[in-house]
Amino acid sequence: MMTTILLLMFLSFCIGTGAWLFFMYAVKKGEFDDIEAAKYRMLDDDDDDGPPTPSTNPQ
C-alpha cells in the first residue's frame, strides 16, 4: 500500500514537472506574448491588400 502511494506521488511529481517545463518552453518561444492582438487584427485598416491600381504609364 505504501509503495503504491509513493509511486503515485512520484508519477504526479514527474507529470507536474513536465507540464511546467513545457509551459516554460512555450513562454520562452513567445507563444503568450500578445494574446489580445489576434481579435483586433481584423479591425485594422490594411490598404495594401486591395486590388492593384492601373498604372498611368501606357506601354
Protein backbone atom coordinates (compact mmCIF):
# COMPACT_ATOMS: atom_id res chain seq x y z
CA MET A 1 0.00 0.00 0.00
CA MET A 2 2.76 2.43 0.93
CA THR A 3 4.71 1.63 -2.25
CA THR A 4 1.66 2.42 -4.37
CA ILE A 5 1.22 5.80 -2.69
CA LEU A 6 4.90 6.64 -3.14
CA LEU A 7 4.77 5.55 -6.76
CA LEU A 8 1.71 7.71 -7.44
CA MET A 9 3.33 10.68 -5.70
CA PHE A 10 6.47 10.25 -7.81
CA LEU A 11 4.46 9.94 -11.03
CA SER A 12 2.37 13.02 -10.25
CA PHE A 13 5.54 14.97 -9.47
CA CYS A 14 7.06 13.91 -12.80
CA ILE A 15 3.92 14.83 -14.76
CA GLY A 16 3.67 18.20 -12.99
CA THR A 17 7.33 18.96 -13.65
CA GLY A 18 6.91 18.01 -17.32
CA ALA A 19 3.87 20.28 -17.68
CA TRP A 20 5.73 23.14 -16.03
CA LEU A 21 8.76 22.66 -18.30
CA PHE A 22 6.50 22.58 -21.37
CA PHE A 23 4.83 25.81 -20.23
CA MET A 24 8.21 27.49 -19.67
CA TYR A 25 9.33 26.39 -23.13
CA ALA A 26 6.19 27.91 -24.68
CA VAL A 27 6.72 31.18 -22.80
CA LYS A 28 10.32 31.41 -23.97
CA LYS A 29 9.27 30.75 -27.59
CA GLY A 30 6.85 33.69 -27.42
CA GLU A 31 3.53 31.85 -27.55
CA PHE A 32 1.99 34.13 -24.93
CA ASP A 33 3.46 37.49 -25.98
CA ASP A 34 0.30 39.26 -27.10
CA ILE A 35 -2.85 37.23 -26.81
CA GLU A 36 -5.15 40.22 -27.27
CA ALA A 37 -3.89 41.28 -30.71
CA ALA A 38 -5.48 38.45 -32.68
CA LYS A 39 -9.06 39.54 -32.06
CA TYR A 40 -8.31 43.14 -33.06
CA ARG A 41 -6.29 42.26 -36.16
CA MET A 42 -9.44 42.02 -38.32
CA LEU A 43 -10.33 45.61 -37.45
CA ASP A 44 -7.07 47.07 -38.77
CA ASP A 45 -7.27 49.08 -41.99
CA ASP A 46 -4.89 47.47 -44.45
CA ASP A 47 -4.93 49.45 -47.66
CA ASP A 48 -2.14 47.32 -49.13
CA ASP A 49 -4.45 44.33 -49.52
CA GLY A 50 -6.76 45.97 -52.07
CA PRO A 51 -6.82 45.25 -55.79
CA PRO A 52 -3.91 46.64 -57.78
CA THR A 53 -4.48 50.03 -59.35
CA PRO A 54 -3.73 50.51 -63.06
CA SER A 55 -0.58 52.44 -63.71
CA THR A 56 -0.62 55.74 -65.56
CA ASN A 57 2.29 54.65 -67.71
CA PRO A 58 0.87 53.38 -71.06
CA GLN A 59 3.09 50.93 -72.90
